[in-house]
């Protein structure tokens, strides 16, 4: 199977994960920058406890996107952008592996 082909099951799983976080996206959108940084700390703790959970990766991707868009410093914006990219790659690799049973 080509690595560029997306499984419909994987796509549906991803959509379901994003749907679960619609309220989270709304809350993040209303947060001040200081609250977003506290949320980043909470996320990091959660990621340590559940590093392999698909929902943790999706949540992180959403958080990093919001941090990137609200960043005042170049350093924070670059960090959030880099993490968001890393999490997207991890997410798609997991979905690809999960539905094609291929390990990279």
Protein backbone atom coordinates (compact mmCIF):
# COMPACT_ATOMS: atom_id res chain seq x y z
CA UNK A 1 0.00 0.00 0.00
CA UNK A 2 1.35 3.43 -0.89
CA UNK A 3 2.21 5.69 2.04
CA UNK A 4 0.25 8.52 0.38
CA UNK A 5 -3.04 6.63 0.52
CA UNK A 6 -5.21 7.44 3.52
CA UNK A 7 -7.42 4.76 4.95
CA UNK A 8 -11.06 5.81 5.27
CA UNK A 9 -11.10 4.23 8.72
CA UNK A 10 -8.06 6.27 9.75
CA UNK A 11 -9.66 9.44 8.37
CA UNK A 12 -12.89 8.77 10.28
CA UNK A 13 -10.92 8.07 13.46
CA UNK A 14 -9.10 11.37 13.10
CA UNK A 15 -12.37 13.26 12.50
CA UNK A 16 -13.92 11.64 15.58
CA UNK A 17 -10.92 12.64 17.70
CA UNK A 18 -11.17 16.24 16.52
CA UNK A 19 -14.91 16.24 17.21
CA UNK A 20 -14.24 15.23 20.81
CA UNK A 21 -12.17 18.36 21.25
CA UNK A 22 -14.56 20.95 19.82
CA UNK A 23 -15.31 22.32 23.31
CA UNK A 24 -11.60 22.35 24.11
CA UNK A 25 -10.92 24.42 20.98
CA UNK A 26 -13.57 26.91 22.05
CA UNK A 27 -12.11 27.19 25.57
CA UNK A 28 -8.61 27.69 24.18
CA UNK A 29 -9.87 30.45 21.90
CA UNK A 30 -11.16 32.38 24.91
CA UNK A 31 -8.00 31.95 27.01
CA UNK A 32 -5.51 34.69 27.69
CA UNK A 33 -1.86 34.02 26.93
CA UNK A 34 -0.97 33.28 30.57
CA UNK A 35 -3.78 30.72 30.76
CA UNK A 36 -2.54 29.11 27.54
CA UNK A 37 0.91 28.71 29.08
CA UNK A 38 -0.64 27.03 32.13
CA UNK A 39 -2.59 24.77 29.76
CA UNK A 40 0.69 23.93 28.02
CA UNK A 41 2.10 22.82 31.37
CA UNK A 42 -0.99 20.67 32.07
CA UNK A 43 -0.71 19.16 28.60
CA UNK A 44 2.95 18.29 29.12
CA UNK A 45 2.06 16.45 32.34
CA UNK A 46 -0.71 14.58 30.54
CA UNK A 47 1.62 13.71 27.66
CA UNK A 48 4.08 12.19 30.15
CA UNK A 49 1.31 10.02 31.65
CA UNK A 50 -0.28 9.03 28.32
CA UNK A 51 2.41 9.46 25.66
CA UNK A 52 1.01 6.88 23.26
CA UNK A 53 -2.65 7.81 23.42
CA UNK A 54 -4.03 9.13 20.13
CA UNK A 55 -6.24 11.68 21.92
CA UNK A 56 -3.19 13.12 23.70
CA UNK A 57 -1.54 13.74 20.34
CA UNK A 58 -4.68 15.35 18.88
CA UNK A 59 -5.10 17.55 21.96
CA UNK A 60 -1.48 18.67 21.72
CA UNK A 61 -1.84 19.51 18.04
CA UNK A 62 -4.87 21.70 18.80
CA UNK A 63 -3.12 23.42 21.72
CA UNK A 64 0.02 24.14 19.71
CA UNK A 65 -2.02 25.66 16.91
CA UNK A 66 -3.67 28.04 19.36
CA UNK A 67 -0.36 28.88 21.02
CA UNK A 68 1.19 29.59 17.64
CA UNK A 69 -1.61 31.94 16.65
CA UNK A 70 -1.51 33.90 19.93
CA UNK A 71 2.26 34.00 20.48
CA UNK A 72 3.85 37.36 21.11
CA UNK A 73 7.43 36.12 20.98
CA UNK A 74 9.19 34.57 18.04
CA UNK A 75 10.60 31.85 20.29
CA UNK A 76 7.19 30.71 21.50
CA UNK A 77 5.72 30.89 18.01
CA UNK A 78 8.60 28.81 16.60
CA UNK A 79 8.29 26.29 19.45
CA UNK A 80 4.53 25.90 18.96
CA UNK A 81 4.91 25.62 15.18
CA UNK A 82 7.63 22.98 15.51
CA UNK A 83 5.64 20.97 18.06
CA UNK A 84 2.47 21.22 15.99
CA UNK A 85 4.33 19.88 12.97
CA UNK A 86 5.91 17.07 15.01
CA UNK A 87 2.54 16.07 16.46
CA UNK A 88 0.90 16.05 13.00
CA UNK A 89 3.61 13.73 11.71
CA UNK A 90 3.22 11.46 14.75
CA UNK A 91 -0.54 11.44 14.36
CA UNK A 92 -0.49 10.48 10.70
CA UNK A 93 2.18 7.84 11.26
CA UNK A 94 0.10 6.26 14.00
CA UNK A 95 -3.03 6.27 11.91
CA UNK A 96 -1.16 4.85 8.93
CA UNK A 97 0.45 2.12 11.06
CA UNK A 98 -2.78 1.34 12.85
CA UNK A 99 -4.78 0.79 9.71
CA UNK A 100 -2.14 -0.75 7.46
CA UNK A 101 -0.27 -2.73 10.13
CA UNK A 102 3.03 -1.33 8.86
CA UNK A 103 5.74 -0.21 11.25
CA UNK A 104 8.25 2.43 10.23
